[in-house]
């Protein structure tokens, strides 16, 4: 199975287990369709394609970067398909991910091109993403950072953590410092899905940033929890209303959040 995450966790109450279940149920269905309305980029990832990226990234995180369960990862990335990959990779390894977190207090940092200087405050491993179309690398790698696009292709397509990641493991640090366990992330994702009205087969368009729970839920976690999918849009405010309406129609959007 492409991007196999079997063995990630024996429990069902974790984000990684949700992804493993989605692979078993319908690996070919779309999970994330990403638009960047500043560049015109569109990327569509099936469950299988997304899981393959997650497995490779989790292997990079656990292996080459030496991350261990309980380590803190400051994620300085916008709402982007690669940000979603890093979230699930961190959940899969037991690393606590802090979207928008302070890199000075983190064990490692993952950053986009606009936050490189802030990310230098991290004294641990530093990974940079160019956020170019098709996951392209930096034309010139930033000094002091590993280029994700260079490092991830050679990673293995199957992932298993060194230690099981259960529902009680710390997983997500929210703005303000509250830390949710993996099981709490799943419970809140299901609750957010109910609030949004999502069900199996729903397709939610989200223009919300990943720096808040609402953005994380609408842009990844709630759809994943209920076998739905997301149309994740960056720079959505650059899109004229008539083009947004056409997108909603062409992508068969059933729900919107921040759009």
C-alpha atoms as a PDB file:
ATOM      1  CA  UNK A   1       0.000   0.000   0.000  1.00  0.00           C
ATOM      2  CA  UNK A   2       1.461   3.397  -0.960  1.00  0.00           C
ATOM      3  CA  UNK A   3       2.462   5.505   2.016  1.00  0.00           C
ATOM      4  CA  UNK A   4       1.699   2.730   4.448  1.00  0.00           C
ATOM      5  CA  UNK A   5       1.172   3.861   8.029  1.00  0.00           C
ATOM      6  CA  UNK A   6       0.317   0.425   9.381  1.00  0.00           C
ATOM      7  CA  UNK A   7       1.974   0.068  12.733  1.00  0.00           C
ATOM      8  CA  UNK A   8       1.803   3.794  13.452  1.00  0.00           C
ATOM      9  CA  UNK A   9      -0.538   3.167  16.365  1.00  0.00           C
ATOM     10  CA  UNK A  10      -2.656   0.257  17.539  1.00  0.00           C
ATOM     11  CA  UNK A  11      -5.424   2.579  18.693  1.00  0.00           C
ATOM     12  CA  UNK A  12      -8.200   4.319  16.785  1.00  0.00           C
ATOM     13  CA  UNK A  13      -8.166   7.469  18.907  1.00  0.00           C
ATOM     14  CA  UNK A  14      -5.259   9.279  17.251  1.00  0.00           C
ATOM     15  CA  UNK A  15      -4.915  11.441  14.132  1.00  0.00           C
ATOM     16  CA  UNK A  16      -2.449   8.964  12.616  1.00  0.00           C
ATOM     17  CA  UNK A  17      -4.953   6.161  13.076  1.00  0.00           C
ATOM     18  CA  UNK A  18      -7.613   8.252  11.309  1.00  0.00           C
ATOM     19  CA  UNK A  19      -5.325   8.483   8.294  1.00  0.00           C
ATOM     20  CA  UNK A  20      -4.560   4.753   8.418  1.00  0.00           C
ATOM     21  CA  UNK A  21      -8.303   4.032   8.511  1.00  0.00           C
ATOM     22  CA  UNK A  22      -8.890   6.338   5.533  1.00  0.00           C
ATOM     23  CA  UNK A  23      -6.253   4.384   3.600  1.00  0.00           C
ATOM     24  CA  UNK A  24      -8.062   1.135   4.274  1.00  0.00           C
ATOM     25  CA  UNK A  25     -11.478   2.586   3.418  1.00  0.00           C
ATOM     26  CA  UNK A  26     -10.829   4.431   0.141  1.00  0.00           C
ATOM     27  CA  UNK A  27      -7.209   5.297  -0.592  1.00  0.00           C
ATOM     28  CA  UNK A  28      -7.962   6.764  -4.018  1.00  0.00           C
ATOM     29  CA  UNK A  29     -10.446   9.425  -2.950  1.00  0.00           C
ATOM     30  CA  UNK A  30      -9.337  13.085  -2.812  1.00  0.00           C
ATOM     31  CA  UNK A  31      -8.371  14.331   0.639  1.00  0.00           C
ATOM     32  CA  UNK A  32      -6.774  17.739   0.035  1.00  0.00           C
ATOM     33  CA  UNK A  33      -7.125  20.009  -2.974  1.00  0.00           C
ATOM     34  CA  UNK A  34      -4.834  22.996  -2.506  1.00  0.00           C
ATOM     35  CA  UNK A  35      -4.995  26.369  -4.253  1.00  0.00           C
ATOM     36  CA  UNK A  36      -2.563  29.270  -3.963  1.00  0.00           C
ATOM     37  CA  UNK A  37      -4.386  32.223  -5.432  1.00  0.00           C
ATOM     38  CA  UNK A  38      -1.227  34.337  -5.538  1.00  0.00           C
ATOM     39  CA  UNK A  39       0.564  31.905  -7.884  1.00  0.00           C
ATOM     40  CA  UNK A  40      -2.240  29.983  -9.583  1.00  0.00           C
ATOM     41  CA  UNK A  41      -1.028  26.687  -8.140  1.00  0.00           C
ATOM     42  CA  UNK A  42      -3.455  23.781  -7.761  1.00  0.00           C
ATOM     43  CA  UNK A  43      -2.457  20.465  -6.207  1.00  0.00           C
ATOM     44  CA  UNK A  44      -4.766  17.560  -5.486  1.00  0.00           C
ATOM     45  CA  UNK A  45      -3.746  14.796  -3.108  1.00  0.00           C
ATOM     46  CA  UNK A  46      -5.613  11.544  -2.709  1.00  0.00           C
ATOM     47  CA  UNK A  47      -5.585   9.811   0.651  1.00  0.00           C
ATOM     48  CA  UNK A  48      -2.827   7.531  -0.665  1.00  0.00           C
ATOM     49  CA  UNK A  49      -0.693  10.401  -1.993  1.00  0.00           C
ATOM     50  CA  UNK A  50      -1.078  12.368   1.215  1.00  0.00           C
ATOM     51  CA  UNK A  51      -0.222   9.319   3.335  1.00  0.00           C
ATOM     52  CA  UNK A  52       2.887   8.732   1.235  1.00  0.00           C
ATOM     53  CA  UNK A  53       4.096  12.265   1.949  1.00  0.00           C
ATOM     54  CA  UNK A  54       3.292  11.789   5.632  1.00  0.00           C
ATOM     55  CA  UNK A  55       5.236   8.514   5.813  1.00  0.00           C
ATOM     56  CA  UNK A  56       8.286  10.045   4.122  1.00  0.00           C
ATOM     57  CA  UNK A  57       8.145  13.133   6.344  1.00  0.00           C
ATOM     58  CA  UNK A  58       7.702  11.070   9.505  1.00  0.00           C
ATOM     59  CA  UNK A  59      10.765   9.016   8.537  1.00  0.00           C
ATOM     60  CA  UNK A  60      12.722  12.231   8.002  1.00  0.00           C
ATOM     61  CA  UNK A  61      11.535  13.588  11.345  1.00  0.00           C
ATOM     62  CA  UNK A  62      12.239  10.460  13.358  1.00  0.00           C
ATOM     63  CA  UNK A  63      15.368   9.346  11.509  1.00  0.00           C
ATOM     64  CA  UNK A  64      17.480  12.105   9.995  1.00  0.00           C
ATOM     65  CA  UNK A  65      16.282  14.836  12.362  1.00  0.00           C
ATOM     66  CA  UNK A  66      16.428  12.621  15.457  1.00  0.00           C
ATOM     67  CA  UNK A  67      13.101  13.797  16.868  1.00  0.00           C
ATOM     68  CA  UNK A  68      11.724  11.848  19.808  1.00  0.00           C
ATOM     69  CA  UNK A  69       8.243  11.570  21.344  1.00  0.00           C
ATOM     70  CA  UNK A  70       7.497  14.655  23.401  1.00  0.00           C
ATOM     71  CA  UNK A  71       9.878  16.905  21.459  1.00  0.00           C
ATOM     72  CA  UNK A  72       8.351  20.243  20.505  1.00  0.00           C
ATOM     73  CA  UNK A  73       8.170  21.308  16.852  1.00  0.00           C
ATOM     74  CA  UNK A  74       7.457  24.952  16.009  1.00  0.00           C
ATOM     75  CA  UNK A  75       5.554  24.933  12.707  1.00  0.00           C
ATOM     76  CA  UNK A  76       5.964  28.318  11.021  1.00  0.00           C
ATOM     77  CA  UNK A  77       3.972  27.579   7.882  1.00  0.00           C
ATOM     78  CA  UNK A  78       0.781  28.956   6.327  1.00  0.00           C
ATOM     79  CA  UNK A  79      -2.249  26.834   5.524  1.00  0.00           C
ATOM     80  CA  UNK A  80      -0.716  24.701   2.769  1.00  0.00           C
ATOM     81  CA  UNK A  81      -0.807  21.064   1.725  1.00  0.00           C
ATOM     82  CA  UNK A  82       2.763  20.616   2.968  1.00  0.00           C
ATOM     83  CA  UNK A  83       1.781  22.067   6.352  1.00  0.00           C
ATOM     84  CA  UNK A  84      -0.928  19.406   6.588  1.00  0.00           C
ATOM     85  CA  UNK A  85       1.705  16.756   5.841  1.00  0.00           C
ATOM     86  CA  UNK A  86       3.934  18.022   8.654  1.00  0.00           C
ATOM     87  CA  UNK A  87       1.050  18.023  11.128  1.00  0.00           C
ATOM     88  CA  UNK A  88       0.267  14.361  10.496  1.00  0.00           C
ATOM     89  CA  UNK A  89       3.960  13.442  10.439  1.00  0.00           C
ATOM     90  CA  UNK A  90       4.426  15.003  13.869  1.00  0.00           C
ATOM     91  CA  UNK A  91       1.315  13.260  15.214  1.00  0.00           C
ATOM     92  CA  UNK A  92       2.624   9.966  13.811  1.00  0.00           C
ATOM     93  CA  UNK A  93       5.974  10.224  15.603  1.00  0.00           C
ATOM     94  CA  UNK A  94       4.682  11.532  18.935  1.00  0.00           C
ATOM     95  CA  UNK A  95       6.258  14.943  18.413  1.00  0.00           C
ATOM     96  CA  UNK A  96       4.238  17.857  19.830  1.00  0.00           C
ATOM     97  CA  UNK A  97       3.503  20.294  17.019  1.00  0.00           C
ATOM     98  CA  UNK A  98       2.982  23.991  17.791  1.00  0.00           C
ATOM     99  CA  UNK A  99       1.589  25.906  14.789  1.00  0.00           C
ATOM    100  CA  UNK A 100       2.999  29.425  14.971  1.00  0.00           C
ATOM    101  CA  UNK A 101       4.918  28.456  18.124  1.00  0.00           C
ATOM    102  CA  UNK A 102       7.997  30.212  19.478  1.00  0.00           C
ATOM    103  CA  UNK A 103      11.037  28.624  17.795  1.00  0.00           C
ATOM    104  CA  UNK A 104      13.322  29.744  20.624  1.00  0.00           C
ATOM    105  CA  UNK A 105      11.625  27.269  22.946  1.00  0.00           C
ATOM    106  CA  UNK A 106      11.316  24.452  20.409  1.00  0.00           C
ATOM    107  CA  UNK A 107      13.452  21.378  19.850  1.00  0.00           C
ATOM    108  CA  UNK A 108      13.147  21.844  16.109  1.00  0.00           C
ATOM    109  CA  UNK A 109      11.508  24.234  13.685  1.00  0.00           C
ATOM    110  CA  UNK A 110       9.875  23.904  10.277  1.00  0.00           C
ATOM    111  CA  UNK A 111       9.547  27.177   8.404  1.00  0.00           C
ATOM    112  CA  UNK A 112       8.509  28.719   5.127  1.00  0.00           C
ATOM    113  CA  UNK A 113      10.535  31.319   3.223  1.00  0.00           C
ATOM    114  CA  UNK A 114       8.886  34.292   4.944  1.00  0.00           C
ATOM    115  CA  UNK A 115       9.829  33.283   8.497  1.00  0.00           C
ATOM    116  CA  UNK A 116      13.435  32.160   8.081  1.00  0.00           C
ATOM    117  CA  UNK A 117      14.867  34.858  10.333  1.00  0.00           C
ATOM    118  CA  UNK A 118      12.443  34.112  13.156  1.00  0.00           C
ATOM    119  CA  UNK A 119      13.173  30.391  12.802  1.00  0.00           C
ATOM    120  CA  UNK A 120      16.890  30.953  13.426  1.00  0.00           C
ATOM    121  CA  UNK A 121      16.039  31.363  17.119  1.00  0.00           C
ATOM    122  CA  UNK A 122      15.653  27.570  17.310  1.00  0.00           C
ATOM    123  CA  UNK A 123      18.829  25.921  18.600  1.00  0.00           C
ATOM    124  CA  UNK A 124      17.795  22.496  17.334  1.00  0.00           C
ATOM    125  CA  UNK A 125      17.217  21.144  13.845  1.00  0.00           C
ATOM    126  CA  UNK A 126      15.850  23.613  11.298  1.00  0.00           C
ATOM    127  CA  UNK A 127      13.957  22.641   8.158  1.00  0.00           C
ATOM    128  CA  UNK A 128      12.877  25.112   5.476  1.00  0.00           C
ATOM    129  CA  UNK A 129      10.205  24.756   2.814  1.00  0.00           C
ATOM    130  CA  UNK A 130      10.274  26.915  -0.311  1.00  0.00           C
ATOM    131  CA  UNK A 131       6.480  26.448  -0.754  1.00  0.00           C
ATOM    132  CA  UNK A 132       7.007  26.534  -4.501  1.00  0.00           C
ATOM    133  CA  UNK A 133       4.611  24.820  -6.915  1.00  0.00           C
ATOM    134  CA  UNK A 134       4.839  21.011  -6.939  1.00  0.00           C
ATOM    135  CA  UNK A 135       6.910  21.051  -3.768  1.00  0.00           C
ATOM    136  CA  UNK A 136       9.959  22.545  -5.480  1.00  0.00           C
ATOM    137  CA  UNK A 137      13.225  23.234  -3.695  1.00  0.00           C
ATOM    138  CA  UNK A 138      14.900  26.562  -2.957  1.00  0.00           C
ATOM    139  CA  UNK A 139      16.986  27.926  -5.846  1.00  0.00           C
ATOM    140  CA  UNK A 140      19.677  28.459  -3.215  1.00  0.00           C
ATOM    141  CA  UNK A 141      19.320  26.574   0.104  1.00  0.00           C
ATOM    142  CA  UNK A 142      19.093  28.976   3.077  1.00  0.00           C
ATOM    143  CA  UNK A 143      22.158  28.794   5.300  1.00  0.00           C
ATOM    144  CA  UNK A 144      21.585  26.867   8.512  1.00  0.00           C
ATOM    145  CA  UNK A 145      18.523  24.970   7.250  1.00  0.00           C
ATOM    146  CA  UNK A 146      17.824  21.631   5.623  1.00  0.00           C
ATOM    147  CA  UNK A 147      15.795  21.994   2.427  1.00  0.00           C
ATOM    148  CA  UNK A 148      12.739  19.778   2.841  1.00  0.00           C
ATOM    149  CA  UNK A 149      12.355  19.291  -0.914  1.00  0.00           C
ATOM    150  CA  UNK A 150      15.904  17.933  -1.084  1.00  0.00           C
ATOM    151  CA  UNK A 151      15.731  15.701   1.980  1.00  0.00           C
ATOM    152  CA  UNK A 152      12.288  14.093   1.775  1.00  0.00           C
ATOM    153  CA  UNK A 153      12.233  12.280  -1.619  1.00  0.00           C
ATOM    154  CA  UNK A 154      14.724   9.621  -0.546  1.00  0.00           C
ATOM    155  CA  UNK A 155      12.871   8.727   2.644  1.00  0.00           C
ATOM    156  CA  UNK A 156      11.043   5.423   2.991  1.00  0.00           C
ATOM    157  CA  UNK A 157       7.430   4.987   1.920  1.00  0.00           C
ATOM    158  CA  UNK A 158       6.543   2.953   5.010  1.00  0.00           C
ATOM    159  CA  UNK A 159       6.656   4.337   8.529  1.00  0.00           C
ATOM    160  CA  UNK A 160       6.469   2.861  12.007  1.00  0.00           C
ATOM    161  CA  UNK A 161       7.322   4.850  15.143  1.00  0.00           C
ATOM    162  CA  UNK A 162      10.033   3.759  17.540  1.00  0.00           C
ATOM    163  CA  UNK A 163       7.378   3.685  20.272  1.00  0.00           C
ATOM    164  CA  UNK A 164       3.577   3.437  19.940  1.00  0.00           C
ATOM    165  CA  UNK A 165       1.763   6.778  19.946  1.00  0.00           C
ATOM    166  CA  UNK A 166      -1.438   6.402  21.920  1.00  0.00           C
ATOM    167  CA  UNK A 167      -4.370   8.742  22.550  1.00  0.00           C
ATOM    168  CA  UNK A 168      -2.862  10.061  25.793  1.00  0.00           C
ATOM    169  CA  UNK A 169       0.366  11.223  24.118  1.00  0.00           C
ATOM    170  CA  UNK A 170       0.752  15.020  23.910  1.00  0.00           C
ATOM    171  CA  UNK A 171       0.207  16.046  20.296  1.00  0.00           C
ATOM    172  CA  UNK A 172      -0.834  19.639  19.602  1.00  0.00           C
ATOM    173  CA  UNK A 173       0.079  22.917  21.309  1.00  0.00           C
ATOM    174  CA  UNK A 174      -2.564  25.566  20.691  1.00  0.00           C
ATOM    175  CA  UNK A 175      -2.035  29.338  20.801  1.00  0.00           C
ATOM    176  CA  UNK A 176      -1.827  30.275  24.482  1.00  0.00           C
ATOM    177  CA  UNK A 177       0.100  27.133  25.381  1.00  0.00           C
ATOM    178  CA  UNK A 178      -2.645  24.552  25.994  1.00  0.00           C
ATOM    179  CA  UNK A 179      -1.511  21.099  24.850  1.00  0.00           C
ATOM    180  CA  UNK A 180      -3.988  18.545  23.529  1.00  0.00           C
ATOM    181  CA  UNK A 181      -3.363  14.825  23.628  1.00  0.00           C
ATOM    182  CA  UNK A 182      -3.747  12.811  20.437  1.00  0.00           C
ATOM    183  CA  UNK A 183      -7.137  11.516  21.563  1.00  0.00           C
ATOM    184  CA  UNK A 184      -8.285  15.030  22.405  1.00  0.00           C
ATOM    185  CA  UNK A 185      -7.308  16.172  18.908  1.00  0.00           C
ATOM    186  CA  UNK A 186      -9.551  13.471  17.446  1.00  0.00           C
ATOM    187  CA  UNK A 187     -12.423  14.285  19.818  1.00  0.00           C
ATOM    188  CA  UNK A 188     -12.229  17.990  19.000  1.00  0.00           C
ATOM    189  CA  UNK A 189     -11.979  17.245  15.285  1.00  0.00           C
ATOM    190  CA  UNK A 190     -15.175  15.211  15.461  1.00  0.00           C
ATOM    191  CA  UNK A 191     -16.879  17.990  17.444  1.00  0.00           C
ATOM    192  CA  UNK A 192     -15.782  20.572  14.859  1.00  0.00           C
ATOM    193  CA  UNK A 193     -17.079  18.349  12.072  1.00  0.00           C
ATOM    194  CA  UNK A 194     -20.473  18.338  13.765  1.00  0.00           C
ATOM    195  CA  UNK A 195     -20.432  22.128  14.125  1.00  0.00           C
ATOM    196  CA  UNK A 196     -19.512  22.531  10.455  1.00  0.00           C
ATOM    197  CA  UNK A 197     -22.161  20.014   9.448  1.00  0.00           C
ATOM    198  CA  UNK A 198     -19.672  17.669   7.789  1.00  0.00           C
ATOM    199  CA  UNK A 199     -20.366  14.029   7.022  1.00  0.00           C
ATOM    200  CA  UNK A 200     -18.796  11.339   4.870  1.00  0.00           C
ATOM    201  CA  UNK A 201     -18.345  12.726   1.364  1.00  0.00           C
ATOM    202  CA  UNK A 202     -18.621  16.392   2.375  1.00  0.00           C
ATOM    203  CA  UNK A 203     -16.241  18.786   0.688  1.00  0.00           C
ATOM    204  CA  UNK A 204     -15.325  21.890   2.695  1.00  0.00           C
ATOM    205  CA  UNK A 205     -13.609  24.941   1.256  1.00  0.00           C
ATOM    206  CA  UNK A 206     -11.372  26.622   3.851  1.00  0.00           C
ATOM    207  CA  UNK A 207      -9.528  29.908   3.605  1.00  0.00           C
ATOM    208  CA  UNK A 208      -8.622  29.946   7.295  1.00  0.00           C
ATOM    209  CA  UNK A 209      -4.988  30.031   8.499  1.00  0.00           C
ATOM    210  CA  UNK A 210      -3.490  27.095  10.372  1.00  0.00           C
ATOM    211  CA  UNK A 211      -2.574  29.217  13.392  1.00  0.00           C
ATOM    212  CA  UNK A 212      -5.893  28.567  15.154  1.00  0.00           C
ATOM    213  CA  UNK A 213      -7.913  25.492  16.041  1.00  0.00           C
ATOM    214  CA  UNK A 214     -10.705  26.571  13.679  1.00  0.00           C
ATOM    215  CA  UNK A 215      -8.245  26.711  10.788  1.00  0.00           C
ATOM    216  CA  UNK A 216      -6.673  23.359  11.641  1.00  0.00           C
ATOM    217  CA  UNK A 217     -10.077  21.755  12.031  1.00  0.00           C
ATOM    218  CA  UNK A 218     -11.681  23.065   8.846  1.00  0.00           C
ATOM    219  CA  UNK A 219      -8.498  22.786   6.808  1.00  0.00           C
ATOM    220  CA  UNK A 220      -7.598  19.203   7.707  1.00  0.00           C
ATOM    221  CA  UNK A 221      -8.641  17.529  10.944  1.00  0.00           C
ATOM    222  CA  UNK A 222     -12.452  17.653  10.781  1.00  0.00           C
ATOM    223  CA  UNK A 223     -12.651  16.373   7.188  1.00  0.00           C
ATOM    224  CA  UNK A 224     -10.144  13.626   7.977  1.00  0.00           C
ATOM    225  CA  UNK A 225     -12.176  12.557  11.004  1.00  0.00           C
ATOM    226  CA  UNK A 226     -15.395  11.954   9.034  1.00  0.00           C
ATOM    227  CA  UNK A 227     -14.114  10.761   5.620  1.00  0.00           C
ATOM    228  CA  UNK A 228     -14.698  14.141   4.029  1.00  0.00           C
ATOM    229  CA  UNK A 229     -12.263  16.259   2.001  1.00  0.00           C
ATOM    230  CA  UNK A 230     -10.985  19.834   1.973  1.00  0.00           C
ATOM    231  CA  UNK A 231     -10.371  22.475  -0.681  1.00  0.00           C
ATOM    232  CA  UNK A 232      -7.616  24.396   1.083  1.00  0.00           C
ATOM    233  CA  UNK A 233      -7.080  27.913  -0.249  1.00  0.00           C
ATOM    234  CA  UNK A 234      -4.157  30.241   0.407  1.00  0.00           C
ATOM    235  CA  UNK A 235      -4.473  33.941  -0.488  1.00  0.00           C
ATOM    236  CA  UNK A 236      -8.202  33.435  -0.979  1.00  0.00           C
ATOM    237  CA  UNK A 237      -8.788  37.176  -0.526  1.00  0.00           C
ATOM    238  CA  UNK A 238      -7.094  37.685  -3.910  1.00  0.00           C
ATOM    239  CA  UNK A 239      -9.865  35.755  -5.672  1.00  0.00           C
ATOM    240  CA  UNK A 240     -12.803  37.727  -7.132  1.00  0.00           C
ATOM    241  CA  UNK A 241     -16.230  36.628  -5.956  1.00  0.00           C
ATOM    242  CA  UNK A 242     -17.278  35.269  -9.325  1.00  0.00           C
ATOM    243  CA  UNK A 243     -14.157  33.109  -9.558  1.00  0.00           C
ATOM    244  CA  UNK A 244     -14.757  31.825  -6.037  1.00  0.00           C
ATOM    245  CA  UNK A 245     -18.280  30.846  -7.032  1.00  0.00           C
ATOM    246  CA  UNK A 246     -16.950  28.988 -10.068  1.00  0.00           C
ATOM    247  CA  UNK A 247     -14.432  27.168  -7.891  1.00  0.00           C
ATOM    248  CA  UNK A 248     -17.090  26.134  -5.424  1.00  0.00           C
ATOM    249  CA  UNK A 249     -19.112  24.735  -8.304  1.00  0.00           C
ATOM    250  CA  UNK A 250     -16.239  22.988 -10.110  1.00  0.00           C
ATOM    251  CA  UNK A 251     -14.860  21.485  -6.883  1.00  0.00           C
ATOM    252  CA  UNK A 252     -18.350  20.398  -5.736  1.00  0.00           C
ATOM    253  CA  UNK A 253     -17.960  22.279  -2.453  1.00  0.00           C
ATOM    254  CA  UNK A 254     -20.678  21.497   0.085  1.00  0.00           C
ATOM    255  CA  UNK A 255     -19.467  23.663   3.018  1.00  0.00           C
ATOM    256  CA  UNK A 256     -17.285  26.741   3.468  1.00  0.00           C
ATOM    257  CA  UNK A 257     -15.106  28.069   6.290  1.00  0.00           C
ATOM    258  CA  UNK A 258     -13.496  31.461   5.875  1.00  0.00           C
ATOM    259  CA  UNK A 259     -14.347  31.565   2.200  1.00  0.00           C
END
